[in-house]
Amino acid sequence: MKSNANKIMVDDYYGLLRNLSKETKIKLIAKLSNSIIEDNTSENENVVDNFFGAFKSNKSAEEIIKEIRESRTFNRTIEVF
């Protein structure tokens, strides 16, 4: 299934890029080639953290839960009819 989706994506990109000049295509190829050579798996893992709101903390999960519960305030008032 992924290979079919990848093929469709490649075809779509080719449709967008096929009318570029030869010089521009060569520059694009060079940039893509460099991105493959410079690919660092550690950088890719950090990118995922940026998209999903991950944060680093030295506190344990129990401490964070305790802080959240203690910071809650309830100011409900019952209205008389």
PDB file of N, CA and C in Angstrom:
ATOM      1  N   MET A   1       0.824  -1.197   0.000  1.00  0.00           N
ATOM      2  CA  MET A   1       0.000   0.000   0.000  1.00  0.00           C
ATOM      3  C   MET A   1       0.868   1.262   0.000  1.00  0.00           C
ATOM      4  N   LYS A   2       1.953   1.242   0.818  1.00  0.00           N
ATOM      5  CA  LYS A   2       2.814   2.416   0.891  1.00  0.00           C
ATOM      6  C   LYS A   2       3.507   2.667  -0.436  1.00  0.00           C
ATOM      7  N   SER A   3       3.929   1.603  -1.110  1.00  0.00           N
ATOM      8  CA  SER A   3       4.633   1.800  -2.370  1.00  0.00           C
ATOM      9  C   SER A   3       3.728   2.451  -3.408  1.00  0.00           C
ATOM     10  N   ASN A   4       2.452   2.109  -3.406  1.00  0.00           N
ATOM     11  CA  ASN A   4       1.505   2.727  -4.329  1.00  0.00           C
ATOM     12  C   ASN A   4       1.319   4.206  -3.989  1.00  0.00           C
ATOM     13  N   ALA A   5       1.219   4.512  -2.713  1.00  0.00           N
ATOM     14  CA  ALA A   5       1.069   5.906  -2.284  1.00  0.00           C
ATOM     15  C   ALA A   5       2.328   6.698  -2.621  1.00  0.00           C
ATOM     16  N   ASN A   6       3.494   6.082  -2.427  1.00  0.00           N
ATOM     17  CA  ASN A   6       4.750   6.758  -2.766  1.00  0.00           C
ATOM     18  C   ASN A   6       4.847   7.010  -4.263  1.00  0.00           C
ATOM     19  N   LYS A   7       4.412   6.052  -5.074  1.00  0.00           N
ATOM     20  CA  LYS A   7       4.446   6.212  -6.527  1.00  0.00           C
ATOM     21  C   LYS A   7       3.551   7.374  -6.952  1.00  0.00           C
ATOM     22  N   ILE A   8       2.387   7.454  -6.358  1.00  0.00           N
ATOM     23  CA  ILE A   8       1.468   8.549  -6.682  1.00  0.00           C
ATOM     24  C   ILE A   8       2.083   9.888  -6.292  1.00  0.00           C
ATOM     25  N   MET A   9       2.726   9.941  -5.113  1.00  0.00           N
ATOM     26  CA  MET A   9       3.346  11.180  -4.657  1.00  0.00           C
ATOM     27  C   MET A   9       4.486  11.581  -5.590  1.00  0.00           C
ATOM     28  N   VAL A  10       5.295  10.618  -5.998  1.00  0.00           N
ATOM     29  CA  VAL A  10       6.402  10.912  -6.913  1.00  0.00           C
ATOM     30  C   VAL A  10       5.860  11.426  -8.247  1.00  0.00           C
ATOM     31  N   ASP A  11       4.817  10.797  -8.747  1.00  0.00           N
ATOM     32  CA  ASP A  11       4.215  11.246 -10.002  1.00  0.00           C
ATOM     33  C   ASP A  11       3.660  12.665  -9.885  1.00  0.00           C
ATOM     34  N   ASP A  12       3.050  12.969  -8.745  1.00  0.00           N
ATOM     35  CA  ASP A  12       2.511  14.321  -8.531  1.00  0.00           C
ATOM     36  C   ASP A  12       3.627  15.361  -8.517  1.00  0.00           C
ATOM     37  N   TYR A  13       4.715  15.053  -7.778  1.00  0.00           N
ATOM     38  CA  TYR A  13       5.845  15.982  -7.739  1.00  0.00           C
ATOM     39  C   TYR A  13       6.463  16.148  -9.121  1.00  0.00           C
ATOM     40  N   TYR A  14       6.581  15.043  -9.850  1.00  0.00           N
ATOM     41  CA  TYR A  14       7.150  15.138 -11.198  1.00  0.00           C
ATOM     42  C   TYR A  14       6.284  16.032 -12.079  1.00  0.00           C
ATOM     43  N   GLY A  15       4.981  15.912 -11.942  1.00  0.00           N
ATOM     44  CA  GLY A  15       4.086  16.763 -12.716  1.00  0.00           C
ATOM     45  C   GLY A  15       4.308  18.238 -12.430  1.00  0.00           C
ATOM     46  N   LEU A  16       4.628  18.551 -11.182  1.00  0.00           N
ATOM     47  CA  LEU A  16       4.893  19.946 -10.820  1.00  0.00           C
ATOM     48  C   LEU A  16       6.255  20.427 -11.303  1.00  0.00           C
ATOM     49  N   LEU A  17       7.239  19.524 -11.318  1.00  0.00           N
ATOM     50  CA  LEU A  17       8.617  19.929 -11.562  1.00  0.00           C
ATOM     51  C   LEU A  17       9.094  19.714 -12.992  1.00  0.00           C
ATOM     52  N   ARG A  18       8.338  19.025 -13.806  1.00  0.00           N
ATOM     53  CA  ARG A  18       8.826  18.664 -15.142  1.00  0.00           C
ATOM     54  C   ARG A  18       9.036  19.870 -16.057  1.00  0.00           C
ATOM     55  N   ASN A  19       8.393  20.975 -15.802  1.00  0.00           N
ATOM     56  CA  ASN A  19       8.531  22.154 -16.656  1.00  0.00           C
ATOM     57  C   ASN A  19       9.650  23.096 -16.214  1.00  0.00           C
ATOM     58  N   LEU A  20      10.395  22.704 -15.179  1.00  0.00           N
ATOM     59  CA  LEU A  20      11.511  23.542 -14.736  1.00  0.00           C
ATOM     60  C   LEU A  20      12.638  23.485 -15.768  1.00  0.00           C
ATOM     61  N   SER A  21      13.496  24.485 -15.741  1.00  0.00           N
ATOM     62  CA  SER A  21      14.648  24.495 -16.663  1.00  0.00           C
ATOM     63  C   SER A  21      15.641  23.412 -16.249  1.00  0.00           C
ATOM     64  N   LYS A  22      16.527  23.051 -17.187  1.00  0.00           N
ATOM     65  CA  LYS A  22      17.533  22.019 -16.896  1.00  0.00           C
ATOM     66  C   LYS A  22      18.424  22.435 -15.738  1.00  0.00           C
ATOM     67  N   GLU A  23      18.797  23.695 -15.704  1.00  0.00           N
ATOM     68  CA  GLU A  23      19.667  24.196 -14.632  1.00  0.00           C
ATOM     69  C   GLU A  23      18.983  24.072 -13.269  1.00  0.00           C
ATOM     70  N   THR A  24      17.730  24.418 -13.205  1.00  0.00           N
ATOM     71  CA  THR A  24      16.977  24.327 -11.955  1.00  0.00           C
ATOM     72  C   THR A  24      16.818  22.878 -11.528  1.00  0.00           C
ATOM     73  N   LYS A  25      16.570  21.993 -12.494  1.00  0.00           N
ATOM     74  CA  LYS A  25      16.440  20.565 -12.173  1.00  0.00           C
ATOM     75  C   LYS A  25      17.745  20.011 -11.606  1.00  0.00           C
ATOM     76  N   ILE A  26      18.882  20.428 -12.181  1.00  0.00           N
ATOM     77  CA  ILE A  26      20.181  19.961 -11.692  1.00  0.00           C
ATOM     78  C   ILE A  26      20.422  20.455 -10.271  1.00  0.00           C
ATOM     79  N   LYS A  27      20.071  21.709  -9.986  1.00  0.00           N
ATOM     80  CA  LYS A  27      20.215  22.244  -8.626  1.00  0.00           C
ATOM     81  C   LYS A  27      19.331  21.476  -7.646  1.00  0.00           C
ATOM     82  N   LEU A  28      18.134  21.147  -8.074  1.00  0.00           N
ATOM     83  CA  LEU A  28      17.216  20.385  -7.228  1.00  0.00           C
ATOM     84  C   LEU A  28      17.760  18.989  -6.958  1.00  0.00           C
ATOM     85  N   ILE A  29      18.299  18.353  -7.986  1.00  0.00           N
ATOM     86  CA  ILE A  29      18.903  17.029  -7.820  1.00  0.00           C
ATOM     87  C   ILE A  29      20.054  17.096  -6.833  1.00  0.00           C
ATOM     88  N   ALA A  30      20.882  18.119  -6.935  1.00  0.00           N
ATOM     89  CA  ALA A  30      22.019  18.274  -6.026  1.00  0.00           C
ATOM     90  C   ALA A  30      21.543  18.437  -4.584  1.00  0.00           C
ATOM     91  N   LYS A  31      20.524  19.237  -4.381  1.00  0.00           N
ATOM     92  CA  LYS A  31      20.007  19.442  -3.022  1.00  0.00           C
ATOM     93  C   LYS A  31      19.413  18.153  -2.456  1.00  0.00           C
ATOM     94  N   LEU A  32      18.680  17.430  -3.288  1.00  0.00           N
ATOM     95  CA  LEU A  32      18.106  16.163  -2.833  1.00  0.00           C
ATOM     96  C   LEU A  32      19.199  15.154  -2.515  1.00  0.00           C
ATOM     97  N   SER A  33      20.217  15.097  -3.349  1.00  0.00           N
ATOM     98  CA  SER A  33      21.337  14.182  -3.117  1.00  0.00           C
ATOM     99  C   SER A  33      22.055  14.526  -1.816  1.00  0.00           C
ATOM    100  N   ASN A  34      22.297  15.803  -1.588  1.00  0.00           N
ATOM    101  CA  ASN A  34      22.954  16.226  -0.347  1.00  0.00           C
ATOM    102  C   ASN A  34      22.106  15.904   0.871  1.00  0.00           C
ATOM    103  N   SER A  35      20.798  16.020   0.739  1.00  0.00           N
ATOM    104  CA  SER A  35      19.943  15.716   1.890  1.00  0.00           C
ATOM    105  C   SER A  35      19.992  14.235   2.228  1.00  0.00           C
ATOM    106  N   ILE A  36      20.198  13.384   1.237  1.00  0.00           N
ATOM    107  CA  ILE A  36      20.328  11.945   1.500  1.00  0.00           C
ATOM    108  C   ILE A  36      21.662  11.648   2.161  1.00  0.00           C
ATOM    109  N   ILE A  37      22.733  12.285   1.681  1.00  0.00           N
ATOM    110  CA  ILE A  37      24.068  12.052   2.228  1.00  0.00           C
ATOM    111  C   ILE A  37      24.151  12.545   3.666  1.00  0.00           C
ATOM    112  N   GLU A  38      23.560  13.684   3.960  1.00  0.00           N
ATOM    113  CA  GLU A  38      23.644  14.296   5.288  1.00  0.00           C
ATOM    114  C   GLU A  38      22.581  13.800   6.246  1.00  0.00           C
ATOM    115  N   ASP A  39      21.835  12.796   5.860  1.00  0.00           N
ATOM    116  CA  ASP A  39      20.732  12.302   6.684  1.00  0.00           C
ATOM    117  C   ASP A  39      21.250  11.745   8.003  1.00  0.00           C
ATOM    118  N   ASN A  40      20.811  12.333   9.105  1.00  0.00           N
ATOM    119  CA  ASN A  40      21.159  11.860  10.446  1.00  0.00           C
ATOM    120  C   ASN A  40      19.903  11.363  11.123  1.00  0.00           C
ATOM    121  N   THR A  41      19.923  10.133  11.614  1.00  0.00           N
ATOM    122  CA  THR A  41      18.727   9.584  12.251  1.00  0.00           C
ATOM    123  C   THR A  41      18.398  10.316  13.539  1.00  0.00           C
ATOM    124  N   SER A  42      19.386  10.815  14.258  1.00  0.00           N
ATOM    125  CA  SER A  42      19.100  11.534  15.499  1.00  0.00           C
ATOM    126  C   SER A  42      18.325  12.813  15.223  1.00  0.00           C
ATOM    127  N   GLU A  43      18.635  13.498  14.128  1.00  0.00           N
ATOM    128  CA  GLU A  43      17.895  14.707  13.779  1.00  0.00           C
ATOM    129  C   GLU A  43      16.458  14.370  13.432  1.00  0.00           C
ATOM    130  N   ASN A  44      16.237  13.268  12.747  1.00  0.00           N
ATOM    131  CA  ASN A  44      14.881  12.873  12.382  1.00  0.00           C
ATOM    132  C   ASN A  44      14.046  12.562  13.612  1.00  0.00           C
ATOM    133  N   GLU A  45      14.648  11.971  14.630  1.00  0.00           N
ATOM    134  CA  GLU A  45      13.911  11.674  15.853  1.00  0.00           C
ATOM    135  C   GLU A  45      13.509  12.954  16.570  1.00  0.00           C
ATOM    136  N   ASN A  46      14.363  13.968  16.558  1.00  0.00           N
ATOM    137  CA  ASN A  46      14.046  15.232  17.212  1.00  0.00           C
ATOM    138  C   ASN A  46      12.916  15.958  16.492  1.00  0.00           C
ATOM    139  N   VAL A  47      12.817  15.806  15.208  1.00  0.00           N
ATOM    140  CA  VAL A  47      11.759  16.456  14.439  1.00  0.00           C
ATOM    141  C   VAL A  47      10.404  15.946  14.890  1.00  0.00           C
ATOM    142  N   VAL A  48      10.297  14.665  15.150  1.00  0.00           N
ATOM    143  CA  VAL A  48       9.030  14.085  15.595  1.00  0.00           C
ATOM    144  C   VAL A  48       8.604  14.712  16.920  1.00  0.00           C
ATOM    145  N   ASP A  49       9.539  14.891  17.833  1.00  0.00           N
ATOM    146  CA  ASP A  49       9.217  15.505  19.119  1.00  0.00           C
ATOM    147  C   ASP A  49       8.666  16.912  18.944  1.00  0.00           C
ATOM    148  N   ASN A  50       9.175  17.659  17.987  1.00  0.00           N
ATOM    149  CA  ASN A  50       8.711  19.030  17.771  1.00  0.00           C
ATOM    150  C   ASN A  50       7.270  19.089  17.299  1.00  0.00           C
ATOM    151  N   PHE A  51       6.816  18.079  16.561  1.00  0.00           N
ATOM    152  CA  PHE A  51       5.471  18.111  16.017  1.00  0.00           C
ATOM    153  C   PHE A  51       4.412  17.655  17.007  1.00  0.00           C
ATOM    154  N   PHE A  52       4.776  16.882  17.993  1.00  0.00           N
ATOM    155  CA  PHE A  52       3.780  16.302  18.870  1.00  0.00           C
ATOM    156  C   PHE A  52       3.791  16.888  20.268  1.00  0.00           C
ATOM    157  N   GLY A  53       4.434  18.004  20.490  1.00  0.00           N
ATOM    158  CA  GLY A  53       4.364  18.702  21.755  1.00  0.00           C
ATOM    159  C   GLY A  53       5.097  18.021  22.895  1.00  0.00           C
ATOM    160  N   ALA A  54       6.076  17.216  22.597  1.00  0.00           N
ATOM    161  CA  ALA A  54       6.834  16.553  23.653  1.00  0.00           C
ATOM    162  C   ALA A  54       7.662  17.589  24.397  1.00  0.00           C
ATOM    163  N   PHE A  55       7.851  17.354  25.679  1.00  0.00           N
ATOM    164  CA  PHE A  55       8.704  18.234  26.450  1.00  0.00           C
ATOM    165  C   PHE A  55       9.555  17.402  27.382  1.00  0.00           C
ATOM    166  N   LYS A  56      10.660  17.993  27.816  1.00  0.00           N
ATOM    167  CA  LYS A  56      11.577  17.282  28.697  1.00  0.00           C
ATOM    168  C   LYS A  56      11.404  17.815  30.108  1.00  0.00           C
ATOM    169  N   SER A  57      11.394  16.898  31.036  1.00  0.00           N
ATOM    170  CA  SER A  57      11.260  17.282  32.427  1.00  0.00           C
ATOM    171  C   SER A  57      12.000  16.274  33.290  1.00  0.00           C
ATOM    172  N   ASN A  58      12.584  16.765  34.369  1.00  0.00           N
ATOM    173  CA  ASN A  58      13.267  15.872  35.307  1.00  0.00           C
ATOM    174  C   ASN A  58      12.308  15.302  36.339  1.00  0.00           C
ATOM    175  N   LYS A  59      11.068  15.767  36.323  1.00  0.00           N
ATOM    176  CA  LYS A  59      10.073  15.319  37.290  1.00  0.00           C
ATOM    177  C   LYS A  59       9.466  13.994  36.845  1.00  0.00           C
ATOM    178  N   SER A  60       9.058  13.212  37.826  1.00  0.00           N
ATOM    179  CA  SER A  60       8.396  11.952  37.510  1.00  0.00           C
ATOM    180  C   SER A  60       6.942  12.238  37.134  1.00  0.00           C
ATOM    181  N   ALA A  61       6.318  11.255  36.533  1.00  0.00           N
ATOM    182  CA  ALA A  61       4.919  11.404  36.136  1.00  0.00           C
ATOM    183  C   ALA A  61       4.045  11.678  37.353  1.00  0.00           C
ATOM    184  N   GLU A  62       4.342  11.021  38.464  1.00  0.00           N
ATOM    185  CA  GLU A  62       3.550  11.217  39.684  1.00  0.00           C
ATOM    186  C   GLU A  62       3.657  12.648  40.189  1.00  0.00           C
ATOM    187  N   GLU A  63       4.861  13.239  40.108  1.00  0.00           N
ATOM    188  CA  GLU A  63       5.038  14.614  40.555  1.00  0.00           C
ATOM    189  C   GLU A  63       4.268  15.588  39.659  1.00  0.00           C
ATOM    190  N   ILE A  64       4.288  15.350  38.371  1.00  0.00           N
ATOM    191  CA  ILE A  64       3.567  16.225  37.445  1.00  0.00           C
ATOM    192  C   ILE A  64       2.070  16.128  37.686  1.00  0.00           C
ATOM    193  N   ILE A  65       1.566  14.918  37.882  1.00  0.00           N
ATOM    194  CA  ILE A  65       0.138  14.725  38.164  1.00  0.00           C
ATOM    195  C   ILE A  65      -0.243  15.422  39.454  1.00  0.00           C
ATOM    196  N   LYS A  66       0.591  15.307  40.476  1.00  0.00           N
ATOM    197  CA  LYS A  66       0.321  15.949  41.762  1.00  0.00           C
ATOM    198  C   LYS A  66       0.251  17.471  41.599  1.00  0.00           C
ATOM    199  N   GLU A  67       1.182  18.053  40.832  1.00  0.00           N
ATOM    200  CA  GLU A  67       1.166  19.499  40.600  1.00  0.00           C
ATOM    201  C   GLU A  67      -0.096  19.937  39.866  1.00  0.00           C
ATOM    202  N   ILE A  68      -0.511  19.167  38.892  1.00  0.00           N
ATOM    203  CA  ILE A  68      -1.722  19.519  38.139  1.00  0.00           C
ATOM    204  C   ILE A  68      -2.933  19.492  39.053  1.00  0.00           C
ATOM    205  N   ARG A  69      -3.048  18.455  39.861  1.00  0.00           N
ATOM    206  CA  ARG A  69      -4.195  18.343  40.766  1.00  0.00           C
ATOM    207  C   ARG A  69      -4.199  19.453  41.805  1.00  0.00           C
ATOM    208  N   GLU A  70      -3.036  19.819  42.309  1.00  0.00           N
ATOM    209  CA  GLU A  70      -2.960  20.875  43.318  1.00  0.00           C
ATOM    210  C   GLU A  70      -3.242  22.254  42.725  1.00  0.00           C
ATOM    211  N   SER A  71      -3.007  22.424  41.455  1.00  0.00           N
ATOM    212  CA  SER A  71      -3.219  23.737  40.842  1.00  0.00           C
ATOM    213  C   SER A  71      -4.669  23.958  40.426  1.00  0.00           C
ATOM    214  N   ARG A  72      -5.478  22.940  40.504  1.00  0.00           N
ATOM    215  CA  ARG A  72      -6.889  23.085  40.127  1.00  0.00           C
ATOM    216  C   ARG A  72      -7.626  23.929  41.149  1.00  0.00           C
ATOM    217  N   THR A  73      -8.463  24.801  40.651  1.00  0.00           N
ATOM    218  CA  THR A  73      -9.288  25.605  41.555  1.00  0.00           C
ATOM    219  C   THR A  73     -10.744  25.414  41.169  1.00  0.00           C
ATOM    220  N   PHE A  74     -11.577  25.337  42.183  1.00  0.00           N
ATOM    221  CA  PHE A  74     -13.007  25.170  41.962  1.00  0.00           C
ATOM    222  C   PHE A  74     -13.715  26.361  42.576  1.00  0.00           C
ATOM    223  N   ASN A  75     -14.393  27.103  41.764  1.00  0.00           N
ATOM    224  CA  ASN A  75     -15.121  28.256  42.267  1.00  0.00           C
ATOM    225  C   ASN A  75     -16.562  28.197  41.758  1.00  0.00           C
ATOM    226  N   ARG A  76     -17.159  27.068  41.954  1.00  0.00           N
ATOM    227  CA  ARG A  76     -18.547  26.900  41.529  1.00  0.00           C
ATOM    228  C   ARG A  76     -19.475  27.564  42.540  1.00  0.00           C
ATOM    229  N   THR A  77     -20.428  28.261  42.017  1.00  0.00           N
ATOM    230  CA  THR A  77     -21.433  28.837  42.903  1.00  0.00           C
ATOM    231  C   THR A  77     -22.797  28.320  42.464  1.00  0.00           C
ATOM    232  N   ILE A  78     -23.597  28.006  43.438  1.00  0.00           N
ATOM    233  CA  ILE A  78     -24.933  27.502  43.154  1.00  0.00           C
ATOM    234  C   ILE A  78     -25.898  28.693  43.135  1.00  0.00           C
ATOM    235  N   GLU A  79     -26.587  28.826  42.044  1.00  0.00           N
ATOM    236  CA  GLU A  79     -27.523  29.929  41.906  1.00  0.00           C
ATOM    237  C   GLU A  79     -28.867  29.545  42.504  1.00  0.00           C
ATOM    238  N   VAL A  80     -29.469  30.486  43.225  1.00  0.00           N
ATOM    239  CA  VAL A  80     -30.764  30.278  43.839  1.00  0.00           C
ATOM    240  C   VAL A  80     -31.838  30.663  42.834  1.00  0.00           C
ATOM    241  N   PHE A  81     -32.859  29.813  42.694  1.00  0.00           N
ATOM    242  CA  PHE A  81     -33.940  30.103  41.761  1.00  0.00           C
ATOM    243  C   PHE A  81     -35.063  30.836  42.437  1.00  0.00           C
TER     244      PHE A  81
END
